[in-house]
Amino acid sequence: MTDPEIVDLIDATISEEFEIDRTEMTPDATLFDALGMDSLDIVDLVVALEKAFGFKIRDEKSIRTIRTLGDIHAFVIQKKRQLEEAA
């Protein structure tokens, strides 16, 4: 899966799960302010991304530093690469 495909899957998952218009979904969009998520939405987001990509991210310490959609893109791309290298 290429990086643009990963970004597209993340955006599609978030758009469907939280009914967010894709035009609002820019890499610099903040999860809480721009996209209107709350702490419960973030839990749902983690579950949705785990399901979409087939790996666990709940225990990752770096997940706490995510503030924007671009942060999510970078996190998932990095995690996917780490898993591919370990395989």
Protein backbone atom coordinates (compact mmCIF):
# COMPACT_ATOMS: atom_id res chain seq x y z
CA MET A 1 0.00 0.00 0.00
CA THR A 2 1.45 3.36 -1.03
CA ASP A 3 1.53 6.43 1.20
CA PRO A 4 -1.22 8.20 -0.83
CA GLU A 5 -3.39 5.07 -0.54
CA ILE A 6 -2.85 5.04 3.23
CA VAL A 7 -3.81 8.73 3.46
CA ASP A 8 -6.91 8.11 1.35
CA LEU A 9 -7.99 5.15 3.49
CA ILE A 10 -7.50 7.16 6.69
CA ASP A 11 -9.50 10.09 5.31
CA ALA A 12 -12.26 7.80 3.99
CA THR A 13 -12.47 5.98 7.33
CA ILE A 14 -12.71 9.21 9.32
CA SER A 15 -15.18 10.75 6.87
CA GLU A 16 -17.49 7.73 7.05
CA GLU A 17 -17.13 7.06 10.77
CA PHE A 18 -17.67 10.66 11.89
CA GLU A 19 -19.67 12.06 8.96
CA ILE A 20 -17.06 14.73 8.23
CA ASP A 21 -17.03 16.37 4.82
CA ARG A 22 -13.83 15.40 2.97
CA THR A 23 -13.34 19.05 1.94
CA GLU A 24 -12.72 19.89 5.63
CA MET A 25 -10.08 17.19 5.90
CA THR A 26 -6.76 18.88 5.26
CA PRO A 27 -3.47 17.72 6.79
CA ASP A 28 -3.37 20.75 9.08
CA ALA A 29 -6.95 20.29 10.31
CA THR A 30 -6.92 19.85 14.08
CA LEU A 31 -8.92 16.94 15.38
CA PHE A 32 -10.65 18.80 18.19
CA ASP A 33 -11.14 22.30 16.79
CA ALA A 34 -11.37 21.96 13.01
CA LEU A 35 -12.96 18.50 12.83
CA GLY A 36 -15.06 18.82 15.99
CA MET A 37 -13.97 15.59 17.66
CA ASP A 38 -13.96 14.99 21.39
CA SER A 39 -12.10 12.50 23.58
CA LEU A 40 -14.70 9.77 23.03
CA ASP A 41 -14.41 10.26 19.27
CA ILE A 42 -10.66 9.70 19.55
CA VAL A 43 -11.27 6.29 21.14
CA ASP A 44 -13.63 5.44 18.29
CA LEU A 45 -11.06 6.74 15.81
CA VAL A 46 -8.37 4.43 17.19
CA VAL A 47 -10.71 1.45 16.91
CA ALA A 48 -11.71 2.39 13.34
CA LEU A 49 -8.08 2.78 12.25
CA GLU A 50 -7.09 -0.50 13.89
CA LYS A 51 -9.86 -2.21 11.97
CA ALA A 52 -8.96 -0.50 8.67
CA PHE A 53 -5.25 -1.33 8.89
CA GLY A 54 -5.23 -4.55 10.91
CA PHE A 55 -2.79 -3.52 13.63
CA LYS A 56 -3.03 -2.28 17.20
CA ILE A 57 -2.23 1.33 17.99
CA ARG A 58 -3.80 1.74 21.42
CA ASP A 59 -0.61 1.00 23.33
CA GLU A 60 1.53 3.42 21.33
CA LYS A 61 2.86 6.30 23.44
CA SER A 62 3.25 8.49 20.36
CA ILE A 63 -0.53 8.45 19.76
CA ARG A 64 -0.82 11.03 22.56
CA THR A 65 1.10 13.61 20.51
CA ILE A 66 -1.34 13.52 17.59
CA ARG A 67 -3.16 16.82 17.12
CA THR A 68 -3.87 17.09 13.37
CA LEU A 69 -5.04 14.91 10.52
CA GLY A 70 -1.52 15.11 9.09
CA ASP A 71 -0.19 13.71 12.38
CA ILE A 72 -2.49 10.71 11.95
CA HIS A 73 -1.30 10.22 8.37
CA ALA A 74 2.36 10.30 9.44
CA PHE A 75 1.77 8.02 12.43
CA VAL A 76 -0.02 5.31 10.44
CA ILE A 77 2.51 5.46 7.57
CA GLN A 78 5.39 5.08 10.03
CA LYS A 79 3.67 2.26 11.93
CA LYS A 80 2.91 0.39 8.69
CA ARG A 81 6.54 0.70 7.57
CA GLN A 82 7.79 -0.58 10.93
CA LEU A 83 5.52 -3.62 10.69
CA GLU A 84 6.60 -4.32 7.10
CA GLU A 85 10.29 -4.11 8.06
CA ALA A 86 9.76 -6.48 10.98
CA ALA A 87 8.01 -9.06 8.79
